[in-house]
Amino acid sequence: MDANAVLDIGLQGLLIAAKLSAPVLITALVVGFAISLLQSITQIQEVTLSFVPKAAAVAIALLVCGHWMISEMVSFTHHMFEMIPSLLGTG
């Protein structure tokens, strides 16, 4: 196994982590921004007000994107296991 293979595996791991976390993070960002905008318009400055809608939105995002996230992770894992013989130099 050479340095290029290690860097390639690391890059693929970082890309899959970013791809899998994007729906949840973007949902939390959008809902948090909307709630903070609503709070600034209505002058309600309660810190805990944004927690429940953000948690509900993230749960919905996980329900919607969960199957895709699991299938992406399974295909990435299969790809990594298929690379083992070539990384060991036996294939």
PDB file of N, CA and C in Angstrom:
ATOM      1  N   MET A   1       0.854  -1.164   0.000  1.00  0.00           N
ATOM      2  CA  MET A   1       0.000   0.000   0.000  1.00  0.00           C
ATOM      3  C   MET A   1       0.901   1.229   0.000  1.00  0.00           C
ATOM      4  N   ASP A   2       0.679   2.103  -0.963  1.00  0.00           N
ATOM      5  CA  ASP A   2       1.508   3.297  -1.045  1.00  0.00           C
ATOM      6  C   ASP A   2       0.732   4.519  -0.524  1.00  0.00           C
ATOM      7  N   ALA A   3       1.412   5.644  -0.507  1.00  0.00           N
ATOM      8  CA  ALA A   3       0.829   6.868   0.052  1.00  0.00           C
ATOM      9  C   ALA A   3      -0.359   7.356  -0.771  1.00  0.00           C
ATOM     10  N   ASN A   4      -0.319   7.143  -2.078  1.00  0.00           N
ATOM     11  CA  ASN A   4      -1.438   7.578  -2.915  1.00  0.00           C
ATOM     12  C   ASN A   4      -2.721   6.825  -2.589  1.00  0.00           C
ATOM     13  N   ALA A   5      -2.599   5.540  -2.302  1.00  0.00           N
ATOM     14  CA  ALA A   5      -3.780   4.750  -1.943  1.00  0.00           C
ATOM     15  C   ALA A   5      -4.364   5.217  -0.617  1.00  0.00           C
ATOM     16  N   VAL A   6      -3.490   5.517   0.327  1.00  0.00           N
ATOM     17  CA  VAL A   6      -3.962   6.001   1.632  1.00  0.00           C
ATOM     18  C   VAL A   6      -4.659   7.346   1.475  1.00  0.00           C
ATOM     19  N   LEU A   7      -4.067   8.234   0.688  1.00  0.00           N
ATOM     20  CA  LEU A   7      -4.685   9.541   0.465  1.00  0.00           C
ATOM     21  C   LEU A   7      -6.014   9.411  -0.274  1.00  0.00           C
ATOM     22  N   ASP A   8      -6.084   8.488  -1.229  1.00  0.00           N
ATOM     23  CA  ASP A   8      -7.328   8.277  -1.962  1.00  0.00           C
ATOM     24  C   ASP A   8      -8.430   7.756  -1.046  1.00  0.00           C
ATOM     25  N   ILE A   9      -8.106   6.807  -0.179  1.00  0.00           N
ATOM     26  CA  ILE A   9      -9.092   6.282   0.768  1.00  0.00           C
ATOM     27  C   ILE A   9      -9.525   7.375   1.742  1.00  0.00           C
ATOM     28  N   GLY A  10      -8.599   8.171   2.218  1.00  0.00           N
ATOM     29  CA  GLY A  10      -8.942   9.270   3.115  1.00  0.00           C
ATOM     30  C   GLY A  10      -9.841  10.296   2.443  1.00  0.00           C
ATOM     31  N   LEU A  11      -9.532  10.626   1.182  1.00  0.00           N
ATOM     32  CA  LEU A  11     -10.352  11.577   0.440  1.00  0.00           C
ATOM     33  C   LEU A  11     -11.750  11.030   0.211  1.00  0.00           C
ATOM     34  N   GLN A  12     -11.849   9.755  -0.150  1.00  0.00           N
ATOM     35  CA  GLN A  12     -13.162   9.140  -0.346  1.00  0.00           C
ATOM     36  C   GLN A  12     -13.957   9.119   0.954  1.00  0.00           C
ATOM     37  N   GLY A  13     -13.281   8.864   2.068  1.00  0.00           N
ATOM     38  CA  GLY A  13     -13.956   8.868   3.364  1.00  0.00           C
ATOM     39  C   GLY A  13     -14.474  10.245   3.736  1.00  0.00           C
ATOM     40  N   LEU A  14     -13.679  11.272   3.486  1.00  0.00           N
ATOM     41  CA  LEU A  14     -14.120  12.631   3.778  1.00  0.00           C
ATOM     42  C   LEU A  14     -15.276  13.055   2.882  1.00  0.00           C
ATOM     43  N   LEU A  15     -15.220  12.669   1.617  1.00  0.00           N
ATOM     44  CA  LEU A  15     -16.305  13.016   0.696  1.00  0.00           C
ATOM     45  C   LEU A  15     -17.614  12.328   1.069  1.00  0.00           C
ATOM     46  N   ILE A  16     -17.543  11.056   1.446  1.00  0.00           N
ATOM     47  CA  ILE A  16     -18.764  10.358   1.826  1.00  0.00           C
ATOM     48  C   ILE A  16     -19.314  10.917   3.131  1.00  0.00           C
ATOM     49  N   ALA A  17     -18.433  11.326   4.052  1.00  0.00           N
ATOM     50  CA  ALA A  17     -18.899  11.934   5.302  1.00  0.00           C
ATOM     51  C   ALA A  17     -19.588  13.268   5.031  1.00  0.00           C
ATOM     52  N   ALA A  18     -19.040  14.062   4.135  1.00  0.00           N
ATOM     53  CA  ALA A  18     -19.657  15.344   3.793  1.00  0.00           C
ATOM     54  C   ALA A  18     -20.982  15.126   3.077  1.00  0.00           C
ATOM     55  N   LYS A  19     -21.021  14.137   2.190  1.00  0.00           N
ATOM     56  CA  LYS A  19     -22.242  13.857   1.438  1.00  0.00           C
ATOM     57  C   LYS A  19     -23.353  13.358   2.361  1.00  0.00           C
ATOM     58  N   LEU A  20     -23.005  12.532   3.346  1.00  0.00           N
ATOM     59  CA  LEU A  20     -24.016  11.976   4.234  1.00  0.00           C
ATOM     60  C   LEU A  20     -24.495  12.983   5.276  1.00  0.00           C
ATOM     61  N   SER A  21     -23.634  13.901   5.671  1.00  0.00           N
ATOM     62  CA  SER A  21     -24.041  14.870   6.694  1.00  0.00           C
ATOM     63  C   SER A  21     -24.721  16.096   6.105  1.00  0.00           C
ATOM     64  N   ALA A  22     -24.617  16.302   4.807  1.00  0.00           N
ATOM     65  CA  ALA A  22     -25.173  17.507   4.183  1.00  0.00           C
ATOM     66  C   ALA A  22     -26.682  17.665   4.365  1.00  0.00           C
ATOM     67  N   PRO A  23     -27.521  16.645   4.144  1.00  0.00           N
ATOM     68  CA  PRO A  23     -28.962  16.880   4.309  1.00  0.00           C
ATOM     69  C   PRO A  23     -29.353  17.308   5.722  1.00  0.00           C
ATOM     70  N   VAL A  24     -28.746  16.688   6.715  1.00  0.00           N
ATOM     71  CA  VAL A  24     -29.075  17.017   8.101  1.00  0.00           C
ATOM     72  C   VAL A  24     -28.573  18.415   8.462  1.00  0.00           C
ATOM     73  N   LEU A  25     -27.346  18.718   8.076  1.00  0.00           N
ATOM     74  CA  LEU A  25     -26.775  20.022   8.417  1.00  0.00           C
ATOM     75  C   LEU A  25     -27.478  21.163   7.687  1.00  0.00           C
ATOM     76  N   ILE A  26     -27.797  20.958   6.425  1.00  0.00           N
ATOM     77  CA  ILE A  26     -28.476  22.023   5.669  1.00  0.00           C
ATOM     78  C   ILE A  26     -29.886  22.240   6.213  1.00  0.00           C
ATOM     79  N   THR A  27     -30.571  21.147   6.588  1.00  0.00           N
ATOM     80  CA  THR A  27     -31.896  21.284   7.188  1.00  0.00           C
ATOM     81  C   THR A  27     -31.834  22.065   8.493  1.00  0.00           C
ATOM     82  N   ALA A  28     -30.882  21.725   9.356  1.00  0.00           N
ATOM     83  CA  ALA A  28     -30.738  22.442  10.628  1.00  0.00           C
ATOM     84  C   ALA A  28     -30.379  23.899  10.398  1.00  0.00           C
ATOM     85  N   LEU A  29     -29.554  24.171   9.386  1.00  0.00           N
ATOM     86  CA  LEU A  29     -29.172  25.544   9.075  1.00  0.00           C
ATOM     87  C   LEU A  29     -30.367  26.362   8.605  1.00  0.00           C
ATOM     88  N   VAL A  30     -31.157  25.810   7.701  1.00  0.00           N
ATOM     89  CA  VAL A  30     -32.302  26.539   7.155  1.00  0.00           C
ATOM     90  C   VAL A  30     -33.356  26.778   8.237  1.00  0.00           C
ATOM     91  N   VAL A  31     -33.659  25.749   9.018  1.00  0.00           N
ATOM     92  CA  VAL A  31     -34.668  25.907  10.073  1.00  0.00           C
ATOM     93  C   VAL A  31     -34.167  26.871  11.145  1.00  0.00           C
ATOM     94  N   GLY A  32     -32.907  26.772  11.519  1.00  0.00           N
ATOM     95  CA  GLY A  32     -32.352  27.699  12.506  1.00  0.00           C
ATOM     96  C   GLY A  32     -32.383  29.134  12.019  1.00  0.00           C
ATOM     97  N   PHE A  33     -32.082  29.345  10.748  1.00  0.00           N
ATOM     98  CA  PHE A  33     -32.135  30.700  10.189  1.00  0.00           C
ATOM     99  C   PHE A  33     -33.566  31.227  10.168  1.00  0.00           C
ATOM    100  N   ALA A  34     -34.507  30.376   9.770  1.00  0.00           N
ATOM    101  CA  ALA A  34     -35.914  30.812   9.723  1.00  0.00           C
ATOM    102  C   ALA A  34     -36.426  31.156  11.115  1.00  0.00           C
ATOM    103  N   ILE A  35     -36.065  30.358  12.103  1.00  0.00           N
ATOM    104  CA  ILE A  35     -36.520  30.632  13.476  1.00  0.00           C
ATOM    105  C   ILE A  35     -35.869  31.906  14.010  1.00  0.00           C
ATOM    106  N   SER A  36     -34.586  32.091  13.734  1.00  0.00           N
ATOM    107  CA  SER A  36     -33.931  33.319  14.215  1.00  0.00           C
ATOM    108  C   SER A  36     -34.493  34.550  13.511  1.00  0.00           C
ATOM    109  N   LEU A  37     -34.858  34.413  12.250  1.00  0.00           N
ATOM    110  CA  LEU A  37     -35.499  35.517  11.549  1.00  0.00           C
ATOM    111  C   LEU A  37     -36.870  35.819  12.158  1.00  0.00           C
ATOM    112  N   LEU A  38     -37.635  34.776  12.461  1.00  0.00           N
ATOM    113  CA  LEU A  38     -38.929  34.944  13.108  1.00  0.00           C
ATOM    114  C   LEU A  38     -38.773  35.575  14.495  1.00  0.00           C
ATOM    115  N   GLN A  39     -37.740  35.147  15.226  1.00  0.00           N
ATOM    116  CA  GLN A  39     -37.499  35.715  16.547  1.00  0.00           C
ATOM    117  C   GLN A  39     -37.119  37.188  16.468  1.00  0.00           C
ATOM    118  N   SER A  40     -36.340  37.542  15.476  1.00  0.00           N
ATOM    119  CA  SER A  40     -35.947  38.943  15.362  1.00  0.00           C
ATOM    120  C   SER A  40     -37.111  39.821  14.899  1.00  0.00           C
ATOM    121  N   ILE A  41     -38.010  39.250  14.090  1.00  0.00           N
ATOM    122  CA  ILE A  41     -39.172  40.017  13.642  1.00  0.00           C
ATOM    123  C   ILE A  41     -40.152  40.235  14.799  1.00  0.00           C
ATOM    124  N   THR A  42     -40.390  39.177  15.579  1.00  0.00           N
ATOM    125  CA  THR A  42     -41.375  39.268  16.661  1.00  0.00           C
ATOM    126  C   THR A  42     -40.772  39.727  17.977  1.00  0.00           C
ATOM    127  N   GLN A  43     -39.471  39.929  18.045  1.00  0.00           N
ATOM    128  CA  GLN A  43     -38.768  40.382  19.245  1.00  0.00           C
ATOM    129  C   GLN A  43     -38.862  39.380  20.396  1.00  0.00           C
ATOM    130  N   ILE A  44     -39.068  38.106  20.071  1.00  0.00           N
ATOM    131  CA  ILE A  44     -39.064  37.055  21.100  1.00  0.00           C
ATOM    132  C   ILE A  44     -37.644  36.510  21.165  1.00  0.00           C
ATOM    133  N   GLN A  45     -36.958  36.751  22.259  1.00  0.00           N
ATOM    134  CA  GLN A  45     -35.563  36.345  22.377  1.00  0.00           C
ATOM    135  C   GLN A  45     -35.421  35.172  23.345  1.00  0.00           C
ATOM    136  N   GLU A  46     -36.067  34.080  23.027  1.00  0.00           N
ATOM    137  CA  GLU A  46     -35.971  32.880  23.839  1.00  0.00           C
ATOM    138  C   GLU A  46     -35.011  31.911  23.149  1.00  0.00           C
ATOM    139  N   VAL A  47     -33.962  31.521  23.854  1.00  0.00           N
ATOM    140  CA  VAL A  47     -32.919  30.680  23.258  1.00  0.00           C
ATOM    141  C   VAL A  47     -33.434  29.274  22.984  1.00  0.00           C
ATOM    142  N   THR A  48     -34.261  28.754  23.867  1.00  0.00           N
ATOM    143  CA  THR A  48     -34.721  27.369  23.725  1.00  0.00           C
ATOM    144  C   THR A  48     -35.832  27.207  22.693  1.00  0.00           C
ATOM    145  N   LEU A  49     -36.351  28.299  22.150  1.00  0.00           N
ATOM    146  CA  LEU A  49     -37.458  28.228  21.195  1.00  0.00           C
ATOM    147  C   LEU A  49     -37.061  27.525  19.894  1.00  0.00           C
ATOM    148  N   SER A  50     -35.819  27.607  19.511  1.00  0.00           N
ATOM    149  CA  SER A  50     -35.406  27.032  18.227  1.00  0.00           C
ATOM    150  C   SER A  50     -35.078  25.547  18.311  1.00  0.00           C
ATOM    151  N   PHE A  51     -34.996  24.994  19.514  1.00  0.00           N
ATOM    152  CA  PHE A  51     -34.555  23.609  19.646  1.00  0.00           C
ATOM    153  C   PHE A  51     -35.579  22.609  19.106  1.00  0.00           C
ATOM    154  N   VAL A  52     -36.834  22.731  19.493  1.00  0.00           N
ATOM    155  CA  VAL A  52     -37.847  21.739  19.104  1.00  0.00           C
ATOM    156  C   VAL A  52     -38.095  21.731  17.595  1.00  0.00           C
ATOM    157  N   PRO A  53     -38.300  22.887  16.944  1.00  0.00           N
ATOM    158  CA  PRO A  53     -38.487  22.821  15.485  1.00  0.00           C
ATOM    159  C   PRO A  53     -37.263  22.292  14.742  1.00  0.00           C
ATOM    160  N   LYS A  54     -36.073  22.642  15.242  1.00  0.00           N
ATOM    161  CA  LYS A  54     -34.858  22.160  14.585  1.00  0.00           C
ATOM    162  C   LYS A  54     -34.724  20.650  14.756  1.00  0.00           C
ATOM    163  N   ALA A  55     -35.030  20.135  15.945  1.00  0.00           N
ATOM    164  CA  ALA A  55     -34.966  18.686  16.178  1.00  0.00           C
ATOM    165  C   ALA A  55     -35.995  17.953  15.328  1.00  0.00           C
ATOM    166  N   ALA A  56     -37.187  18.517  15.205  1.00  0.00           N
ATOM    167  CA  ALA A  56     -38.219  17.885  14.381  1.00  0.00           C
ATOM    168  C   ALA A  56     -37.826  17.890  12.904  1.00  0.00           C
ATOM    169  N   ALA A  57     -37.269  18.999  12.448  1.00  0.00           N
ATOM    170  CA  ALA A  57     -36.850  19.085  11.043  1.00  0.00           C
ATOM    171  C   ALA A  57     -35.714  18.117  10.739  1.00  0.00           C
ATOM    172  N   VAL A  58     -34.787  17.975  11.664  1.00  0.00           N
ATOM    173  CA  VAL A  58     -33.682  17.029  11.464  1.00  0.00           C
ATOM    174  C   VAL A  58     -34.213  15.595  11.458  1.00  0.00           C
ATOM    175  N   ALA A  59     -35.179  15.290  12.326  1.00  0.00           N
ATOM    176  CA  ALA A  59     -35.775  13.947  12.329  1.00  0.00           C
ATOM    177  C   ALA A  59     -36.483  13.667  11.013  1.00  0.00           C
ATOM    178  N   ILE A  60     -37.190  14.655  10.478  1.00  0.00           N
ATOM    179  CA  ILE A  60     -37.861  14.480   9.183  1.00  0.00           C
ATOM    180  C   ILE A  60     -36.841  14.305   8.059  1.00  0.00           C
ATOM    181  N   ALA A  61     -35.743  15.071   8.124  1.00  0.00           N
ATOM    182  CA  ALA A  61     -34.690  14.931   7.111  1.00  0.00           C
ATOM    183  C   ALA A  61     -34.068  13.544   7.168  1.00  0.00           C
ATOM    184  N   LEU A  62     -33.890  13.010   8.372  1.00  0.00           N
ATOM    185  CA  LEU A  62     -33.355  11.655   8.502  1.00  0.00           C
ATOM    186  C   LEU A  62     -34.338  10.618   7.971  1.00  0.00           C
ATOM    187  N   LEU A  63     -35.633  10.833   8.199  1.00  0.00           N
ATOM    188  CA  LEU A  63     -36.631   9.905   7.658  1.00  0.00           C
ATOM    189  C   LEU A  63     -36.661   9.938   6.138  1.00  0.00           C
ATOM    190  N   VAL A  64     -36.544  11.134   5.573  1.00  0.00           N
ATOM    191  CA  VAL A  64     -36.605  11.274   4.121  1.00  0.00           C
ATOM    192  C   VAL A  64     -35.329  10.753   3.463  1.00  0.00           C
ATOM    193  N   CYS A  65     -34.174  11.111   4.009  1.00  0.00           N
ATOM    194  CA  CYS A  65     -32.886  10.785   3.380  1.00  0.00           C
ATOM    195  C   CYS A  65     -32.219   9.550   3.961  1.00  0.00           C
ATOM    196  N   GLY A  66     -32.828   8.928   4.955  1.00  0.00           N
ATOM    197  CA  GLY A  66     -32.181   7.809   5.645  1.00  0.00           C
ATOM    198  C   GLY A  66     -31.851   6.636   4.740  1.00  0.00           C
ATOM    199  N   HIS A  67     -32.784   6.245   3.885  1.00  0.00           N
ATOM    200  CA  HIS A  67     -32.540   5.100   3.003  1.00  0.00           C
ATOM    201  C   HIS A  67     -31.381   5.395   2.040  1.00  0.00           C
ATOM    202  N   TRP A  68     -31.362   6.599   1.502  1.00  0.00           N
ATOM    203  CA  TRP A  68     -30.272   6.982   0.602  1.00  0.00           C
ATOM    204  C   TRP A  68     -28.941   6.989   1.344  1.00  0.00           C
ATOM    205  N   MET A  69     -28.934   7.499   2.578  1.00  0.00           N
ATOM    206  CA  MET A  69     -27.696   7.555   3.354  1.00  0.00           C
ATOM    207  C   MET A  69     -27.157   6.158   3.642  1.00  0.00           C
ATOM    208  N   ILE A  70     -28.047   5.248   4.007  1.00  0.00           N
ATOM    209  CA  ILE A  70     -27.611   3.876   4.296  1.00  0.00           C
ATOM    210  C   ILE A  70     -27.101   3.192   3.038  1.00  0.00           C
ATOM    211  N   SER A  71     -27.785   3.383   1.910  1.00  0.00           N
ATOM    212  CA  SER A  71     -27.331   2.741   0.672  1.00  0.00           C
ATOM    213  C   SER A  71     -25.987   3.307   0.210  1.00  0.00           C
ATOM    214  N   GLU A  72     -25.766   4.612   0.398  1.00  0.00           N
ATOM    215  CA  GLU A  72     -24.462   5.207   0.062  1.00  0.00           C
ATOM    216  C   GLU A  72     -23.357   4.621   0.940  1.00  0.00           C
ATOM    217  N   MET A  73     -23.629   4.475   2.224  1.00  0.00           N
ATOM    218  CA  MET A  73     -22.626   3.947   3.138  1.00  0.00           C
ATOM    219  C   MET A  73     -22.336   2.476   2.857  1.00  0.00           C
ATOM    220  N   VAL A  74     -23.362   1.717   2.512  1.00  0.00           N
ATOM    221  CA  VAL A  74     -23.164   0.295   2.184  1.00  0.00           C
ATOM    222  C   VAL A  74     -22.349   0.158   0.907  1.00  0.00           C
ATOM    223  N   SER A  75     -22.640   0.967  -0.106  1.00  0.00           N
ATOM    224  CA  SER A  75     -21.866   0.874  -1.343  1.00  0.00           C
ATOM    225  C   SER A  75     -20.417   1.320  -1.121  1.00  0.00           C
ATOM    226  N   PHE A  76     -20.209   2.325  -0.283  1.00  0.00           N
ATOM    227  CA  PHE A  76     -18.843   2.740   0.040  1.00  0.00           C
ATOM    228  C   PHE A  76     -18.095   1.615   0.761  1.00  0.00           C
ATOM    229  N   THR A  77     -18.773   0.948   1.698  1.00  0.00           N
ATOM    230  CA  THR A  77     -18.139  -0.142   2.440  1.00  0.00           C
ATOM    231  C   THR A  77     -17.824  -1.309   1.513  1.00  0.00           C
ATOM    232  N   HIS A  78     -18.735  -1.646   0.602  1.00  0.00           N
ATOM    233  CA  HIS A  78     -18.469  -2.712  -0.368  1.00  0.00           C
ATOM    234  C   HIS A  78     -17.274  -2.354  -1.244  1.00  0.00           C
ATOM    235  N   HIS A  79     -17.202  -1.106  -1.654  1.00  0.00           N
ATOM    236  CA  HIS A  79     -16.078  -0.662  -2.477  1.00  0.00           C
ATOM    237  C   HIS A  79     -14.760  -0.779  -1.701  1.00  0.00           C
ATOM    238  N   MET A  80     -14.769  -0.421  -0.435  1.00  0.00           N
ATOM    239  CA  MET A  80     -13.549  -0.532   0.378  1.00  0.00           C
ATOM    240  C   MET A  80     -13.135  -1.993   0.543  1.00  0.00           C
ATOM    241  N   PHE A  81     -14.111  -2.888   0.775  1.00  0.00           N
ATOM    242  CA  PHE A  81     -13.781  -4.304   0.915  1.00  0.00           C
ATOM    243  C   PHE A  81     -13.274  -4.893  -0.398  1.00  0.00           C
ATOM    244  N   GLU A  82     -13.795  -4.419  -1.533  1.00  0.00           N
ATOM    245  CA  GLU A  82     -13.313  -4.895  -2.827  1.00  0.00           C
ATOM    246  C   GLU A  82     -11.896  -4.428  -3.109  1.00  0.00           C
ATOM    247  N   MET A  83     -11.489  -3.323  -2.500  1.00  0.00           N
ATOM    248  CA  MET A  83     -10.137  -2.794  -2.707  1.00  0.00           C
ATOM    249  C   MET A  83      -9.067  -3.497  -1.884  1.00  0.00           C
ATOM    250  N   ILE A  84      -9.452  -4.305  -0.903  1.00  0.00           N
ATOM    251  CA  ILE A  84      -8.478  -4.936  -0.011  1.00  0.00           C
ATOM    252  C   ILE A  84      -7.451  -5.778  -0.757  1.00  0.00           C
ATOM    253  N   PRO A  85      -7.840  -6.676  -1.692  1.00  0.00           N
ATOM    254  CA  PRO A  85      -6.809  -7.473  -2.384  1.00  0.00           C
ATOM    255  C   PRO A  85      -5.817  -6.610  -3.167  1.00  0.00           C
ATOM    256  N   SER A  86      -6.306  -5.576  -3.819  1.00  0.00           N
ATOM    257  CA  SER A  86      -5.375  -4.744  -4.592  1.00  0.00           C
ATOM    258  C   SER A  86      -4.464  -3.927  -3.676  1.00  0.00           C
ATOM    259  N   LEU A  87      -4.962  -3.549  -2.512  1.00  0.00           N
ATOM    260  CA  LEU A  87      -4.118  -2.794  -1.574  1.00  0.00           C
ATOM    261  C   LEU A  87      -3.056  -3.675  -0.939  1.00  0.00           C
ATOM    262  N   LEU A  88      -3.378  -4.970  -0.772  1.00  0.00           N
ATOM    263  CA  LEU A  88      -2.392  -5.887  -0.207  1.00  0.00           C
ATOM    264  C   LEU A  88      -1.404  -6.386  -1.238  1.00  0.00           C
ATOM    265  N   GLY A  89      -1.700  -6.136  -2.507  1.00  0.00           N
ATOM    266  CA  GLY A  89      -0.790  -6.540  -3.576  1.00  0.00           C
ATOM    267  C   GLY A  89      -1.010  -7.966  -4.044  1.00  0.00           C
ATOM    268  N   THR A  90      -2.123  -8.591  -3.662  1.00  0.00           N
ATOM    269  CA  THR A  90      -2.378  -9.973  -4.064  1.00  0.00           C
ATOM    270  C   THR A  90      -3.319 -10.053  -5.251  1.00  0.00           C
ATOM    271  N   GLY A  91      -3.865  -8.929  -5.677  1.00  0.00           N
ATOM    272  CA  GLY A  91      -4.828  -9.011  -6.766  1.00  0.00           C
ATOM    273  C   GLY A  91      -4.496  -8.039  -7.776  1.00  0.00           C
TER     274      GLY A  91
END
